[in-house]
Amino acid sequence: MVALCYDNIDYISLHRYYGRPSGGTGDFLAQTMDMDDFIRSVIALCDAVKGKRHARKSIHLSFDEWNVCYHSGEEDNGKKPERWGRAPAIVEDVYNFEDALLTGSILITFLRHADRVKIACLAQLVNVIAPILTRDGGGCWAQNTYYPFQHMSRYARGTSLLAAVDSPCYDCKDYEKVPYLDAAATSRRILPWILTFTAWARCA
């Protein structure tokens, strides 16, 4: 399909959702290894077609949907909206610190592949598996998964750098040699004589 469409497309749309594996925190946070493998495999496929066609352009990646989603499954069983009634509150996950770490690690993975991942859209932003929740009658608040976005938006500007990380590793159910430290870095020139560097890291 990529070979047939190559001249007419600029992006490939990708989706990825992460739930709770059967293991502990190490298994949960290691899911970013899956994200990294996914990105690398799609890039390799696109570049193989590019090489075969001797094409000049590279196809970029767009994560049209991604998120952490697993908390509210049992609670939502049996909930059905009334005909022409108000929609019930469904899939309103309440996130914990592990979820914030995984969210931050996914953002680091996107930043590390910024040369090819040009678009990454969280699904969704308010109430449904979202970093922001609202209450009936007014009022809203940010969940802990909001803050990795806040810091990434504030500091991850400019040029994405390829960070060289030397970290101890651990093995888990699905992956071997998972680094305890996951990092990305950016640089930004504010004025001709001021160059700032920002490093992002998560520790499993």
Protein backbone atom coordinates (compact mmCIF):
# COMPACT_ATOMS: atom_id res chain seq x y z
CA MET A 1 0.00 0.00 0.00
CA VAL A 2 2.82 2.42 0.87
CA ALA A 3 4.51 1.66 -2.44
CA LEU A 4 1.31 2.34 -4.37
CA CYS A 5 0.55 5.60 -2.57
CA TYR A 6 4.07 6.91 -1.97
CA ASP A 7 3.96 9.81 -4.42
CA ASN A 8 0.61 11.03 -3.10
CA ILE A 9 1.04 10.90 0.69
CA ASP A 10 3.14 12.89 3.14
CA TYR A 11 2.18 11.16 6.41
CA ILE A 12 1.20 7.76 7.75
CA SER A 13 -1.44 7.81 10.48
CA LEU A 14 -0.67 5.77 13.60
CA HIS A 15 -2.71 4.91 16.71
CA ARG A 16 -1.46 3.54 20.03
CA TYR A 17 -3.12 3.04 23.42
CA TYR A 18 -1.47 1.58 26.50
CA GLY A 19 -3.19 -0.32 29.28
CA ARG A 20 -2.06 -2.03 32.43
CA PRO A 21 0.09 -5.15 31.90
CA SER A 22 0.02 -8.00 34.37
CA GLY A 23 3.38 -7.06 35.89
CA GLY A 24 4.39 -4.19 38.13
CA THR A 25 5.64 -0.66 37.60
CA GLY A 26 8.67 -1.77 35.59
CA ASP A 27 6.50 -3.60 33.05
CA PHE A 28 4.11 -0.66 32.86
CA LEU A 29 6.80 1.94 32.14
CA ALA A 30 8.60 -0.37 29.71
CA GLN A 31 5.71 0.08 27.27
CA THR A 32 7.59 3.04 25.83
CA MET A 33 9.91 0.41 24.35
CA ASP A 34 6.92 -0.76 22.31
CA MET A 35 6.29 2.82 21.18
CA ASP A 36 9.92 3.22 20.15
CA ASP A 37 9.91 -0.11 18.27
CA PHE A 38 6.64 0.83 16.56
CA ILE A 39 8.06 4.14 15.35
CA ARG A 40 11.30 2.59 14.14
CA SER A 41 9.52 -0.22 12.27
CA VAL A 42 7.19 2.17 10.42
CA ILE A 43 10.10 4.46 9.53
CA ALA A 44 12.06 1.45 8.23
CA LEU A 45 9.11 0.40 6.07
CA CYS A 46 8.72 3.88 4.59
CA ASP A 47 12.43 4.26 3.97
CA ALA A 48 12.62 0.84 2.30
CA VAL A 49 9.97 1.95 -0.19
CA LYS A 50 11.77 5.28 -0.60
CA GLY A 51 15.02 3.51 -1.44
CA LYS A 52 13.36 1.11 -3.86
CA ARG A 53 11.70 4.00 -5.71
CA HIS A 54 14.79 6.25 -5.49
CA ALA A 55 12.45 8.91 -4.14
CA ARG A 56 13.60 12.22 -2.72
CA LYS A 57 10.93 12.85 -0.15
CA SER A 58 10.53 11.05 3.18
CA ILE A 59 7.15 10.09 4.58
CA HIS A 60 6.56 11.42 8.09
CA LEU A 61 4.53 9.92 10.92
CA SER A 62 1.37 11.32 12.50
CA PHE A 63 0.10 9.80 15.73
CA ASP A 64 -3.55 10.77 15.29
CA GLU A 65 -4.48 9.00 18.54
CA TRP A 66 -2.48 7.91 21.55
CA ASN A 67 -3.10 7.70 25.28
CA VAL A 68 -2.99 5.66 28.48
CA CYS A 69 -6.36 3.98 28.99
CA TYR A 70 -7.32 1.18 31.36
CA HIS A 71 -8.85 2.49 34.61
CA SER A 72 -12.54 2.82 33.86
CA GLY A 73 -13.38 -0.37 31.94
CA GLU A 74 -15.21 -2.22 34.72
CA GLU A 75 -16.93 0.91 36.01
CA ASP A 76 -18.41 1.63 32.58
CA ASN A 77 -19.86 -1.85 32.02
CA GLY A 78 -23.59 -1.62 31.52
CA LYS A 79 -23.72 2.16 31.13
CA LYS A 80 -26.00 3.08 28.27
CA PRO A 81 -27.12 6.57 27.28
CA GLU A 82 -30.83 7.25 27.34
CA ARG A 83 -32.43 7.97 24.02
CA TRP A 84 -32.15 11.72 23.46
CA GLY A 85 -30.86 12.01 27.02
CA ARG A 86 -27.71 13.41 28.49
CA ALA A 87 -24.59 11.38 27.78
CA PRO A 88 -23.34 9.49 30.85
CA ALA A 89 -19.83 9.95 32.20
CA ILE A 90 -17.85 7.11 30.63
CA VAL A 91 -14.15 6.37 30.27
CA GLU A 92 -13.29 9.17 32.68
CA ASP A 93 -10.07 7.64 33.92
CA VAL A 94 -8.58 9.01 37.14
CA TYR A 95 -4.83 8.79 36.59
CA ASN A 96 -2.03 8.06 39.04
CA PHE A 97 1.69 8.83 39.22
CA GLU A 98 2.65 5.81 37.11
CA ASP A 99 0.37 7.09 34.35
CA ALA A 100 2.04 10.51 34.48
CA LEU A 101 5.46 8.85 34.17
CA LEU A 102 4.34 6.79 31.18
CA THR A 103 2.79 9.87 29.56
CA GLY A 104 6.03 11.79 30.03
CA SER A 105 8.05 8.89 28.62
CA ILE A 106 5.82 8.71 25.55
CA LEU A 107 6.35 12.44 24.99
CA ILE A 108 10.11 11.91 25.34
CA THR A 109 9.87 9.17 22.70
CA PHE A 110 8.06 11.52 20.31
CA LEU A 111 10.63 14.23 20.93
CA ARG A 112 13.48 11.80 20.31
CA HIS A 113 11.95 10.96 16.91
CA ALA A 114 11.00 14.53 16.04
CA ASP A 115 12.77 14.24 12.70
CA ARG A 116 9.98 11.93 11.52
CA VAL A 117 7.13 12.18 14.05
CA LYS A 118 5.75 15.60 13.12
CA ILE A 119 2.24 15.30 14.62
CA ALA A 120 1.11 13.58 17.82
CA CYS A 121 -2.44 14.13 19.08
CA LEU A 122 -3.54 12.97 22.51
CA ALA A 123 -6.95 11.31 22.58
CA GLN A 124 -8.73 13.06 24.26
CA LEU A 125 -8.24 16.38 26.10
CA VAL A 126 -11.26 16.81 28.41
CA ASN A 127 -13.07 14.19 30.57
CA VAL A 128 -12.72 11.08 28.38
CA ILE A 129 -9.28 9.52 29.17
CA ALA A 130 -8.15 13.11 29.53
CA PRO A 131 -5.66 15.26 31.45
CA ILE A 132 -8.47 17.71 32.32
CA LEU A 133 -11.69 16.80 34.14
CA THR A 134 -14.84 18.86 34.68
CA ARG A 135 -17.75 18.61 37.13
CA ASP A 136 -21.46 19.20 36.71
CA GLY A 137 -22.35 22.81 37.34
CA GLY A 138 -18.93 24.17 36.47
CA GLY A 139 -15.35 23.84 37.53
CA CYS A 140 -12.44 21.88 36.16
CA TRP A 141 -9.06 20.61 37.30
CA ALA A 142 -5.90 19.14 35.86
CA GLN A 143 -4.92 15.53 36.46
CA ASN A 144 -1.29 14.56 36.94
CA THR A 145 -1.01 13.56 33.25
CA TYR A 146 -1.54 17.24 32.42
CA TYR A 147 1.82 18.30 33.80
CA PRO A 148 4.12 16.39 31.42
CA PHE A 149 2.33 18.29 28.62
CA GLN A 150 2.71 21.57 30.44
CA HIS A 151 6.45 21.17 30.86
CA MET A 152 6.96 19.78 27.37
CA SER A 153 5.05 22.71 25.87
CA ARG A 154 7.02 25.21 27.90
CA TYR A 155 10.53 23.87 27.53
CA ALA A 156 10.73 21.49 24.55
CA ARG A 157 11.16 24.14 21.89
CA GLY A 158 13.76 24.68 19.24
CA THR A 159 15.83 21.82 17.89
CA SER A 160 15.50 18.26 19.13
CA LEU A 161 18.88 16.78 20.01
CA LEU A 162 19.86 13.12 20.04
CA ALA A 163 20.75 12.50 23.67
CA ALA A 164 23.40 9.87 24.41
CA VAL A 165 22.23 8.05 27.54
CA ASP A 166 24.32 5.62 29.58
CA SER A 167 22.03 4.01 32.12
CA PRO A 168 21.63 0.74 34.04
CA CYS A 169 18.92 -1.51 32.62
CA TYR A 170 16.39 -4.04 33.85
CA ASP A 171 14.49 -6.96 32.34
CA CYS A 172 10.73 -7.41 32.52
CA LYS A 173 8.11 -9.73 31.07
CA ASP A 174 7.97 -8.29 27.56
CA TYR A 175 11.33 -6.52 27.18
CA GLU A 176 14.98 -6.95 28.03
CA LYS A 177 17.51 -4.22 28.73
CA VAL A 178 14.98 -1.52 29.56
CA PRO A 179 16.96 1.59 30.59
CA TYR A 180 16.09 3.06 33.97
CA LEU A 181 16.76 6.49 32.50
CA ASP A 182 14.91 7.71 29.42
CA ALA A 183 15.91 11.12 28.12
CA ALA A 184 15.60 13.65 25.32
CA ALA A 185 17.07 17.11 24.87
CA THR A 186 16.38 20.31 22.96
CA SER A 187 18.29 23.50 22.21
CA ARG A 188 16.91 26.93 21.45
CA ARG A 189 18.61 30.19 20.50
CA ILE A 190 16.79 33.02 22.28
CA LEU A 191 19.18 35.78 21.19
CA PRO A 192 22.24 35.60 18.92
CA TRP A 193 24.46 35.16 21.99
CA ILE A 194 22.13 33.07 24.18
CA LEU A 195 21.68 29.36 23.48
CA THR A 196 19.55 27.34 25.93
CA PHE A 197 19.53 23.59 26.43
CA THR A 198 16.76 21.56 28.05
CA ALA A 199 17.05 17.91 29.01
CA TRP A 200 14.09 15.62 29.68
CA ALA A 201 14.41 12.45 31.68
CA ARG A 202 12.31 9.84 33.42
CA CYS A 203 13.54 7.26 35.85
CA ALA A 204 11.76 3.90 36.07
